[in-house]
């Protein structure tokens, strides 16, 4: 299995890794769907020879209307895929005036 980025914290154990998966899709729902599938892939990988300290997902999508809760859509997608999401580990912000936003969870 391949992970987009694997790195470790400076001066930490050389055996423990942090995984980062990046998804980009103009559609928020499709981007979240990809993030959830990656979460399942990484979960399977955690049970292999790799020792992952943690796993992060970075999603880039077209910015949504301010009335749309990205967090609620994330939780809905996680429940649909049976993936646990830590609510206090979530950020979503527009990327300048580009018309896009990022989601980090």
C-alpha atoms as a PDB file:
ATOM      1  CA  UNK A   1       0.000   0.000   0.000  1.00  0.00           C
ATOM      2  CA  UNK A   2       1.227   3.481  -0.784  1.00  0.00           C
ATOM      3  CA  UNK A   3       0.669   6.600   1.303  1.00  0.00           C
ATOM      4  CA  UNK A   4       1.026  10.066  -0.239  1.00  0.00           C
ATOM      5  CA  UNK A   5       3.405  11.313   2.476  1.00  0.00           C
ATOM      6  CA  UNK A   6       5.039   9.606   5.442  1.00  0.00           C
ATOM      7  CA  UNK A   7       7.220  11.518   7.857  1.00  0.00           C
ATOM      8  CA  UNK A   8       8.250  11.543  11.484  1.00  0.00           C
ATOM      9  CA  UNK A   9       8.583  14.181  14.142  1.00  0.00           C
ATOM     10  CA  UNK A  10      12.128  15.469  14.590  1.00  0.00           C
ATOM     11  CA  UNK A  11      14.017  13.629  17.342  1.00  0.00           C
ATOM     12  CA  UNK A  12      11.269  11.020  17.685  1.00  0.00           C
ATOM     13  CA  UNK A  13      11.576   7.284  17.238  1.00  0.00           C
ATOM     14  CA  UNK A  14      12.671   6.254  13.762  1.00  0.00           C
ATOM     15  CA  UNK A  15      10.101   3.462  13.981  1.00  0.00           C
ATOM     16  CA  UNK A  16       6.989   5.645  14.397  1.00  0.00           C
ATOM     17  CA  UNK A  17       5.571   7.459  11.386  1.00  0.00           C
ATOM     18  CA  UNK A  18       2.907  10.049  10.583  1.00  0.00           C
ATOM     19  CA  UNK A  19       0.899   9.463   7.410  1.00  0.00           C
ATOM     20  CA  UNK A  20      -0.664  12.218   5.296  1.00  0.00           C
ATOM     21  CA  UNK A  21      -3.075  11.463   2.469  1.00  0.00           C
ATOM     22  CA  UNK A  22      -4.047  14.240   0.056  1.00  0.00           C
ATOM     23  CA  UNK A  23      -7.282  14.300  -1.910  1.00  0.00           C
ATOM     24  CA  UNK A  24      -8.493  16.900  -4.357  1.00  0.00           C
ATOM     25  CA  UNK A  25     -11.857  17.052  -6.014  1.00  0.00           C
ATOM     26  CA  UNK A  26     -13.962  20.084  -6.901  1.00  0.00           C
ATOM     27  CA  UNK A  27     -16.962  18.397  -5.268  1.00  0.00           C
ATOM     28  CA  UNK A  28     -16.869  18.376  -1.448  1.00  0.00           C
ATOM     29  CA  UNK A  29     -18.823  15.109  -1.142  1.00  0.00           C
ATOM     30  CA  UNK A  30     -16.516  13.305  -3.583  1.00  0.00           C
ATOM     31  CA  UNK A  31     -13.473  14.702  -1.767  1.00  0.00           C
ATOM     32  CA  UNK A  32     -14.842  13.431   1.573  1.00  0.00           C
ATOM     33  CA  UNK A  33     -15.616  10.048   0.021  1.00  0.00           C
ATOM     34  CA  UNK A  34     -11.970   9.763  -1.067  1.00  0.00           C
ATOM     35  CA  UNK A  35     -10.780  10.773   2.397  1.00  0.00           C
ATOM     36  CA  UNK A  36     -12.939   8.081   4.006  1.00  0.00           C
ATOM     37  CA  UNK A  37     -11.663   5.399   1.615  1.00  0.00           C
ATOM     38  CA  UNK A  38      -8.096   6.442   2.433  1.00  0.00           C
ATOM     39  CA  UNK A  39      -8.890   6.220   6.144  1.00  0.00           C
ATOM     40  CA  UNK A  40      -9.976   2.626   5.699  1.00  0.00           C
ATOM     41  CA  UNK A  41      -6.818   1.896   3.697  1.00  0.00           C
ATOM     42  CA  UNK A  42      -4.600   3.410   6.391  1.00  0.00           C
ATOM     43  CA  UNK A  43      -6.450   1.524   9.113  1.00  0.00           C
ATOM     44  CA  UNK A  44      -5.634  -1.735   7.332  1.00  0.00           C
ATOM     45  CA  UNK A  45      -2.039  -0.581   6.989  1.00  0.00           C
ATOM     46  CA  UNK A  46      -1.790   0.090  10.739  1.00  0.00           C
ATOM     47  CA  UNK A  47      -2.259  -3.617  11.281  1.00  0.00           C
ATOM     48  CA  UNK A  48       0.751  -4.404   9.081  1.00  0.00           C
ATOM     49  CA  UNK A  49       4.474  -3.944   9.619  1.00  0.00           C
ATOM     50  CA  UNK A  50       4.262  -0.135   9.639  1.00  0.00           C
ATOM     51  CA  UNK A  51       3.985   1.657  12.979  1.00  0.00           C
ATOM     52  CA  UNK A  52       1.920   4.775  12.317  1.00  0.00           C
ATOM     53  CA  UNK A  53       1.613   7.257  15.186  1.00  0.00           C
ATOM     54  CA  UNK A  54      -1.215   9.060  13.479  1.00  0.00           C
ATOM     55  CA  UNK A  55      -2.905   9.675  10.173  1.00  0.00           C
ATOM     56  CA  UNK A  56      -4.029  12.974   8.661  1.00  0.00           C
ATOM     57  CA  UNK A  57      -6.082  13.738   5.567  1.00  0.00           C
ATOM     58  CA  UNK A  58      -5.861  16.937   3.552  1.00  0.00           C
ATOM     59  CA  UNK A  59      -8.696  17.565   1.132  1.00  0.00           C
ATOM     60  CA  UNK A  60      -8.884  20.402  -1.393  1.00  0.00           C
ATOM     61  CA  UNK A  61     -12.287  21.216  -2.894  1.00  0.00           C
ATOM     62  CA  UNK A  62     -14.306  24.106  -4.275  1.00  0.00           C
ATOM     63  CA  UNK A  63     -15.436  26.381  -1.486  1.00  0.00           C
ATOM     64  CA  UNK A  64     -19.014  25.746  -0.387  1.00  0.00           C
ATOM     65  CA  UNK A  65     -21.716  28.201   0.592  1.00  0.00           C
ATOM     66  CA  UNK A  66     -21.316  29.596   4.103  1.00  0.00           C
ATOM     67  CA  UNK A  67     -24.643  27.978   5.046  1.00  0.00           C
ATOM     68  CA  UNK A  68     -23.158  24.516   4.411  1.00  0.00           C
ATOM     69  CA  UNK A  69     -21.425  22.910   7.380  1.00  0.00           C
ATOM     70  CA  UNK A  70     -18.288  21.134   6.147  1.00  0.00           C
ATOM     71  CA  UNK A  71     -17.982  19.535   9.586  1.00  0.00           C
ATOM     72  CA  UNK A  72     -21.511  18.058   9.385  1.00  0.00           C
ATOM     73  CA  UNK A  73     -20.779  16.701   5.893  1.00  0.00           C
ATOM     74  CA  UNK A  74     -17.544  15.178   7.211  1.00  0.00           C
ATOM     75  CA  UNK A  75     -19.376  13.470  10.087  1.00  0.00           C
ATOM     76  CA  UNK A  76     -22.116  12.200   7.742  1.00  0.00           C
ATOM     77  CA  UNK A  77     -19.513  10.743   5.376  1.00  0.00           C
ATOM     78  CA  UNK A  78     -17.601   9.174   8.281  1.00  0.00           C
ATOM     79  CA  UNK A  79     -20.760   7.514   9.607  1.00  0.00           C
ATOM     80  CA  UNK A  80     -21.598   6.228   6.128  1.00  0.00           C
ATOM     81  CA  UNK A  81     -18.136   4.615   5.839  1.00  0.00           C
ATOM     82  CA  UNK A  82     -17.953   3.550   9.511  1.00  0.00           C
ATOM     83  CA  UNK A  83     -14.858   5.729  10.111  1.00  0.00           C
ATOM     84  CA  UNK A  84     -14.099   7.407  13.437  1.00  0.00           C
ATOM     85  CA  UNK A  85     -13.361  11.136  13.214  1.00  0.00           C
ATOM     86  CA  UNK A  86     -12.018  13.145  16.129  1.00  0.00           C
ATOM     87  CA  UNK A  87     -14.058  16.335  16.270  1.00  0.00           C
ATOM     88  CA  UNK A  88     -11.286  18.345  17.896  1.00  0.00           C
ATOM     89  CA  UNK A  89      -8.888  17.467  15.037  1.00  0.00           C
ATOM     90  CA  UNK A  90     -10.638  19.302  12.212  1.00  0.00           C
ATOM     91  CA  UNK A  91      -9.897  22.464  10.255  1.00  0.00           C
ATOM     92  CA  UNK A  92     -11.539  23.871   7.138  1.00  0.00           C
ATOM     93  CA  UNK A  93     -10.740  27.241   5.599  1.00  0.00           C
ATOM     94  CA  UNK A  94     -10.949  29.010   2.247  1.00  0.00           C
ATOM     95  CA  UNK A  95      -7.709  29.292   0.271  1.00  0.00           C
ATOM     96  CA  UNK A  96      -7.455  33.039  -0.240  1.00  0.00           C
ATOM     97  CA  UNK A  97      -9.676  34.268  -3.065  1.00  0.00           C
ATOM     98  CA  UNK A  98      -9.136  31.141  -5.174  1.00  0.00           C
ATOM     99  CA  UNK A  99     -12.674  29.821  -4.815  1.00  0.00           C
ATOM    100  CA  UNK A 100     -11.251  26.675  -3.199  1.00  0.00           C
ATOM    101  CA  UNK A 101     -10.988  25.530   0.399  1.00  0.00           C
ATOM    102  CA  UNK A 102      -9.010  22.955   2.309  1.00  0.00           C
ATOM    103  CA  UNK A 103     -10.080  20.441   4.892  1.00  0.00           C
ATOM    104  CA  UNK A 104      -7.619  18.924   7.349  1.00  0.00           C
ATOM    105  CA  UNK A 105      -8.731  16.088   9.590  1.00  0.00           C
END
